[in-house]
Amino acid sequence: INGTTGYEEAACQGLMAGINAARNAMD
């Protein structure tokens, strides 16, 4: 959705988005 290609590029973005979504929810 961000314009990347490749499993690895997607996975690392997912990891960082998941980390920061959780930290946002926890302030």
PDB file of all heavy atoms in Angstrom:
ATOM      1  N   ILE A   1       0.838  -1.198   0.000  1.00  0.00           N
ATOM      2  CA  ILE A   1       0.000   0.000   0.000  1.00  0.00           C
ATOM      3  C   ILE A   1       0.881   1.258   0.000  1.00  0.00           C
ATOM      4  O   ILE A   1       0.468   2.328  -0.439  1.00  0.00           O
ATOM      5  CB  ILE A   1      -0.968   0.006   1.208  1.00  0.00           C
ATOM      6  CG1 ILE A   1      -2.026   1.106   1.049  1.00  0.00           C
ATOM      7  CG2 ILE A   1      -0.215   0.168   2.508  1.00  0.00           C
ATOM      8  CD1 ILE A   1      -3.109   1.074   2.114  1.00  0.00           C
ATOM      9  N   ASN A   2       2.135   1.108   0.446  1.00  0.00           N
ATOM     10  CA  ASN A   2       3.097   2.214   0.466  1.00  0.00           C
ATOM     11  C   ASN A   2       3.991   2.246  -0.777  1.00  0.00           C
ATOM     12  O   ASN A   2       4.912   3.058  -0.856  1.00  0.00           O
ATOM     13  CB  ASN A   2       3.989   2.134   1.706  1.00  0.00           C
ATOM     14  CG  ASN A   2       3.220   2.462   2.970  1.00  0.00           C
ATOM     15  OD1 ASN A   2       2.211   3.154   2.926  1.00  0.00           O
ATOM     16  ND2 ASN A   2       3.696   1.960   4.104  1.00  0.00           N
ATOM     17  N   GLY A   3       3.758   1.346  -1.719  1.00  0.00           N
ATOM     18  CA  GLY A   3       4.517   1.382  -2.965  1.00  0.00           C
ATOM     19  C   GLY A   3       5.746   0.504  -2.992  1.00  0.00           C
ATOM     20  O   GLY A   3       6.580   0.640  -3.889  1.00  0.00           O
ATOM     21  N   THR A   4       5.890  -0.402  -2.034  1.00  0.00           N
ATOM     22  CA  THR A   4       7.057  -1.290  -2.031  1.00  0.00           C
ATOM     23  C   THR A   4       6.715  -2.602  -2.741  1.00  0.00           C
ATOM     24  O   THR A   4       5.555  -2.911  -3.005  1.00  0.00           O
ATOM     25  CB  THR A   4       7.523  -1.610  -0.603  1.00  0.00           C
ATOM     26  OG1 THR A   4       6.446  -2.235   0.119  1.00  0.00           O
ATOM     27  CG2 THR A   4       7.952  -0.350   0.110  1.00  0.00           C
ATOM     28  N   THR A   5       7.741  -3.370  -3.038  1.00  0.00           N
ATOM     29  CA  THR A   5       7.560  -4.704  -3.597  1.00  0.00           C
ATOM     30  C   THR A   5       8.444  -5.665  -2.815  1.00  0.00           C
ATOM     31  O   THR A   5       9.528  -5.297  -2.374  1.00  0.00           O
ATOM     32  CB  THR A   5       7.921  -4.737  -5.100  1.00  0.00           C
ATOM     33  OG1 THR A   5       7.707  -6.059  -5.603  1.00  0.00           O
ATOM     34  CG2 THR A   5       9.366  -4.352  -5.350  1.00  0.00           C
ATOM     35  N   GLY A   6       7.989  -6.879  -2.608  1.00  0.00           N
ATOM     36  CA  GLY A   6       8.806  -7.862  -1.894  1.00  0.00           C
ATOM     37  C   GLY A   6       8.245  -8.198  -0.528  1.00  0.00           C
ATOM     38  O   GLY A   6       7.758  -7.321   0.193  1.00  0.00           O
ATOM     39  N   TYR A   7       8.339  -9.496  -0.185  1.00  0.00           N
ATOM     40  CA  TYR A   7       7.862  -9.946   1.121  1.00  0.00           C
ATOM     41  C   TYR A   7       8.619  -9.264   2.256  1.00  0.00           C
ATOM     42  O   TYR A   7       8.046  -8.881   3.279  1.00  0.00           O
ATOM     43  CB  TYR A   7       8.064 -11.459   1.282  1.00  0.00           C
ATOM     44  CG  TYR A   7       7.550 -12.324   0.178  1.00  0.00           C
ATOM     45  CD1 TYR A   7       8.268 -13.448  -0.232  1.00  0.00           C
ATOM     46  CD2 TYR A   7       6.342 -12.054  -0.459  1.00  0.00           C
ATOM     47  CE1 TYR A   7       7.801 -14.285  -1.229  1.00  0.00           C
ATOM     48  CE2 TYR A   7       5.866 -12.882  -1.466  1.00  0.00           C
ATOM     49  CZ  TYR A   7       6.605 -13.993  -1.850  1.00  0.00           C
ATOM     50  OH  TYR A   7       6.147 -14.816  -2.853  1.00  0.00           O
ATOM     51  N   GLU A   8       9.939  -9.146   2.091  1.00  0.00           N
ATOM     52  CA  GLU A   8      10.794  -8.655   3.176  1.00  0.00           C
ATOM     53  C   GLU A   8      10.521  -7.180   3.462  1.00  0.00           C
ATOM     54  O   GLU A   8      10.441  -6.765   4.627  1.00  0.00           O
ATOM     55  CB  GLU A   8      12.267  -8.860   2.802  1.00  0.00           C
ATOM     56  CG  GLU A   8      12.627 -10.301   2.465  1.00  0.00           C
ATOM     57  CD  GLU A   8      12.296 -10.720   1.026  1.00  0.00           C
ATOM     58  OE1 GLU A   8      11.805  -9.883   0.245  1.00  0.00           O
ATOM     59  OE2 GLU A   8      12.537 -11.892   0.696  1.00  0.00           O
ATOM     60  N   GLU A   9      10.393  -6.385   2.381  1.00  0.00           N
ATOM     61  CA  GLU A   9      10.080  -4.965   2.549  1.00  0.00           C
ATOM     62  C   GLU A   9       8.733  -4.790   3.243  1.00  0.00           C
ATOM     63  O   GLU A   9       8.562  -3.907   4.091  1.00  0.00           O
ATOM     64  CB  GLU A   9      10.067  -4.263   1.187  1.00  0.00           C
ATOM     65  CG  GLU A   9      11.426  -4.095   0.543  1.00  0.00           C
ATOM     66  CD  GLU A   9      11.867  -5.276  -0.311  1.00  0.00           C
ATOM     67  OE1 GLU A   9      11.256  -6.361  -0.190  1.00  0.00           O
ATOM     68  OE2 GLU A   9      12.818  -5.129  -1.101  1.00  0.00           O
ATOM     69  N   ALA A  10       7.765  -5.631   2.870  1.00  0.00           N
ATOM     70  CA  ALA A  10       6.441  -5.557   3.496  1.00  0.00           C
ATOM     71  C   ALA A  10       6.509  -5.964   4.963  1.00  0.00           C
ATOM     72  O   ALA A  10       5.941  -5.301   5.839  1.00  0.00           O
ATOM     73  CB  ALA A  10       5.462  -6.461   2.744  1.00  0.00           C
ATOM     74  N   ALA A  11       7.206  -7.063   5.234  1.00  0.00           N
ATOM     75  CA  ALA A  11       7.271  -7.583   6.602  1.00  0.00           C
ATOM     76  C   ALA A  11       7.888  -6.584   7.573  1.00  0.00           C
ATOM     77  O   ALA A  11       7.390  -6.393   8.685  1.00  0.00           O
ATOM     78  CB  ALA A  11       8.058  -8.896   6.620  1.00  0.00           C
ATOM     79  N   CYS A  12       8.963  -5.922   7.153  1.00  0.00           N
ATOM     80  CA  CYS A  12       9.616  -4.994   8.090  1.00  0.00           C
ATOM     81  C   CYS A  12       8.747  -3.758   8.334  1.00  0.00           C
ATOM     82  O   CYS A  12       8.733  -3.212   9.440  1.00  0.00           O
ATOM     83  CB  CYS A  12      11.013  -4.609   7.616  1.00  0.00           C
ATOM     84  SG  CYS A  12      11.093  -3.487   6.203  1.00  0.00           S
ATOM     85  N   GLN A  13       8.001  -3.322   7.305  1.00  0.00           N
ATOM     86  CA  GLN A  13       7.068  -2.218   7.529  1.00  0.00           C
ATOM     87  C   GLN A  13       5.956  -2.637   8.486  1.00  0.00           C
ATOM     88  O   GLN A  13       5.556  -1.874   9.370  1.00  0.00           O
ATOM     89  CB  GLN A  13       6.446  -1.784   6.213  1.00  0.00           C
ATOM     90  CG  GLN A  13       7.372  -1.086   5.249  1.00  0.00           C
ATOM     91  CD  GLN A  13       6.665  -0.830   3.942  1.00  0.00           C
ATOM     92  OE1 GLN A  13       5.804   0.029   3.860  1.00  0.00           O
ATOM     93  NE2 GLN A  13       7.009  -1.595   2.922  1.00  0.00           N
ATOM     94  N   GLY A  14       5.451  -3.865   8.300  1.00  0.00           N
ATOM     95  CA  GLY A  14       4.424  -4.366   9.198  1.00  0.00           C
ATOM     96  C   GLY A  14       4.912  -4.408  10.626  1.00  0.00           C
ATOM     97  O   GLY A  14       4.193  -4.025  11.556  1.00  0.00           O
ATOM     98  N   LEU A  15       6.145  -4.879  10.808  1.00  0.00           N
ATOM     99  CA  LEU A  15       6.733  -4.933  12.149  1.00  0.00           C
ATOM    100  C   LEU A  15       6.751  -3.554  12.791  1.00  0.00           C
ATOM    101  O   LEU A  15       6.300  -3.375  13.935  1.00  0.00           O
ATOM    102  CB  LEU A  15       8.154  -5.493  12.054  1.00  0.00           C
ATOM    103  CG  LEU A  15       8.904  -5.609  13.379  1.00  0.00           C
ATOM    104  CD1 LEU A  15       8.454  -6.843  14.131  1.00  0.00           C
ATOM    105  CD2 LEU A  15      10.407  -5.665  13.154  1.00  0.00           C
ATOM    106  N   MET A  16       7.258  -2.543  12.054  1.00  0.00           N
ATOM    107  CA  MET A  16       7.375  -1.200  12.627  1.00  0.00           C
ATOM    108  C   MET A  16       6.003  -0.558  12.831  1.00  0.00           C
ATOM    109  O   MET A  16       5.782   0.156  13.821  1.00  0.00           O
ATOM    110  CB  MET A  16       8.248  -0.325  11.735  1.00  0.00           C
ATOM    111  CG  MET A  16       9.677  -0.821  11.570  1.00  0.00           C
ATOM    112  SD  MET A  16      10.519  -1.225  13.137  1.00  0.00           S
ATOM    113  CE  MET A  16      10.529   0.383  13.958  1.00  0.00           C
ATOM    114  N   ALA A  17       5.065  -0.810  11.904  1.00  0.00           N
ATOM    115  CA  ALA A  17       3.716  -0.272  12.073  1.00  0.00           C
ATOM    116  C   ALA A  17       3.039  -0.906  13.285  1.00  0.00           C
ATOM    117  O   ALA A  17       2.357  -0.227  14.063  1.00  0.00           O
ATOM    118  CB  ALA A  17       2.892  -0.516  10.817  1.00  0.00           C
ATOM    119  N   GLY A  18       3.215  -2.224  13.445  1.00  0.00           N
ATOM    120  CA  GLY A  18       2.642  -2.909  14.605  1.00  0.00           C
ATOM    121  C   GLY A  18       3.221  -2.399  15.910  1.00  0.00           C
ATOM    122  O   GLY A  18       2.492  -2.184  16.896  1.00  0.00           O
ATOM    123  N   ILE A  19       4.541  -2.196  15.926  1.00  0.00           N
ATOM    124  CA  ILE A  19       5.199  -1.659  17.123  1.00  0.00           C
ATOM    125  C   ILE A  19       4.627  -0.296  17.469  1.00  0.00           C
ATOM    126  O   ILE A  19       4.236  -0.026  18.625  1.00  0.00           O
ATOM    127  CB  ILE A  19       6.718  -1.557  16.898  1.00  0.00           C
ATOM    128  CG1 ILE A  19       7.369  -2.948  16.884  1.00  0.00           C
ATOM    129  CG2 ILE A  19       7.379  -0.671  17.963  1.00  0.00           C
ATOM    130  CD1 ILE A  19       8.823  -2.948  16.447  1.00  0.00           C
ATOM    131  N   ASN A  20       4.560   0.598  16.492  1.00  0.00           N
ATOM    132  CA  ASN A  20       4.144   1.971  16.773  1.00  0.00           C
ATOM    133  C   ASN A  20       2.643   2.099  16.989  1.00  0.00           C
ATOM    134  O   ASN A  20       2.195   2.980  17.746  1.00  0.00           O
ATOM    135  CB  ASN A  20       4.628   2.895  15.662  1.00  0.00           C
ATOM    136  CG  ASN A  20       6.121   3.152  15.767  1.00  0.00           C
ATOM    137  OD1 ASN A  20       6.638   3.433  16.845  1.00  0.00           O
ATOM    138  ND2 ASN A  20       6.827   3.036  14.654  1.00  0.00           N
ATOM    139  N   ALA A  21       1.843   1.229  16.363  1.00  0.00           N
ATOM    140  CA  ALA A  21       0.410   1.227  16.652  1.00  0.00           C
ATOM    141  C   ALA A  21       0.172   0.827  18.101  1.00  0.00           C
ATOM    142  O   ALA A  21      -0.653   1.440  18.809  1.00  0.00           O
ATOM    143  CB  ALA A  21      -0.315   0.272  15.701  1.00  0.00           C
ATOM    144  N   ALA A  22       0.891  -0.193  18.563  1.00  0.00           N
ATOM    145  CA  ALA A  22       0.752  -0.631  19.954  1.00  0.00           C
ATOM    146  C   ALA A  22       1.219   0.458  20.912  1.00  0.00           C
ATOM    147  O   ALA A  22       0.567   0.726  21.936  1.00  0.00           O
ATOM    148  CB  ALA A  22       1.548  -1.918  20.177  1.00  0.00           C
ATOM    149  N   ARG A  23       2.334   1.099  20.592  1.00  0.00           N
ATOM    150  CA  ARG A  23       2.855   2.132  21.490  1.00  0.00           C
ATOM    151  C   ARG A  23       1.945   3.368  21.484  1.00  0.00           C
ATOM    152  O   ARG A  23       1.793   4.024  22.515  1.00  0.00           O
ATOM    153  CB  ARG A  23       4.289   2.487  21.092  1.00  0.00           C
ATOM    154  CG  ARG A  23       5.263   1.359  21.435  1.00  0.00           C
ATOM    155  CD  ARG A  23       6.691   1.694  21.100  1.00  0.00           C
ATOM    156  NE  ARG A  23       7.279   2.675  21.998  1.00  0.00           N
ATOM    157  CZ  ARG A  23       7.786   2.398  23.183  1.00  0.00           C
ATOM    158  NH1 ARG A  23       7.762   1.156  23.651  1.00  0.00           N
ATOM    159  NH2 ARG A  23       8.327   3.346  23.918  1.00  0.00           N
ATOM    160  N   ASN A  24       1.343   3.683  20.340  1.00  0.00           N
ATOM    161  CA  ASN A  24       0.355   4.763  20.316  1.00  0.00           C
ATOM    162  C   ASN A  24      -0.808   4.454  21.250  1.00  0.00           C
ATOM    163  O   ASN A  24      -1.258   5.308  22.016  1.00  0.00           O
ATOM    164  CB  ASN A  24      -0.181   4.952  18.897  1.00  0.00           C
ATOM    165  CG  ASN A  24       0.543   6.037  18.128  1.00  0.00           C
ATOM    166  OD1 ASN A  24       1.673   6.378  18.466  1.00  0.00           O
ATOM    167  ND2 ASN A  24      -0.093   6.559  17.096  1.00  0.00           N
ATOM    168  N   ALA A  25      -1.308   3.217  21.158  1.00  0.00           N
ATOM    169  CA  ALA A  25      -2.451   2.806  21.977  1.00  0.00           C
ATOM    170  C   ALA A  25      -2.112   2.837  23.464  1.00  0.00           C
ATOM    171  O   ALA A  25      -3.000   3.024  24.312  1.00  0.00           O
ATOM    172  CB  ALA A  25      -2.900   1.411  21.566  1.00  0.00           C
ATOM    173  N   MET A  26      -0.826   2.660  23.780  1.00  0.00           N
ATOM    174  CA  MET A  26      -0.379   2.652  25.177  1.00  0.00           C
ATOM    175  C   MET A  26       0.196   3.994  25.618  1.00  0.00           C
ATOM    176  O   MET A  26       0.774   4.098  26.701  1.00  0.00           O
ATOM    177  CB  MET A  26       0.681   1.552  25.364  1.00  0.00           C
ATOM    178  CG  MET A  26       0.179   0.155  25.065  1.00  0.00           C
ATOM    179  SD  MET A  26       1.550  -1.044  25.087  1.00  0.00           S
ATOM    180  CE  MET A  26       0.707  -2.537  24.535  1.00  0.00           C
ATOM    181  N   ASP A  27       0.060   5.019  24.742  1.00  0.00           N
ATOM    182  CA  ASP A  27       0.579   6.367  25.037  1.00  0.00           C
ATOM    183  C   ASP A  27       2.081   6.359  25.328  1.00  0.00           C
ATOM    184  O   ASP A  27       2.557   7.034  26.253  1.00  0.00           O
ATOM    185  CB  ASP A  27      -0.185   6.996  26.219  1.00  0.00           C
ATOM    186  CG  ASP A  27      -1.648   7.234  25.892  1.00  0.00           C
ATOM    187  OD1 ASP A  27      -1.934   7.639  24.759  1.00  0.00           O
ATOM    188  OD2 ASP A  27      -2.496   6.993  26.781  1.00  0.00           O
TER     189      ASP A  27
END
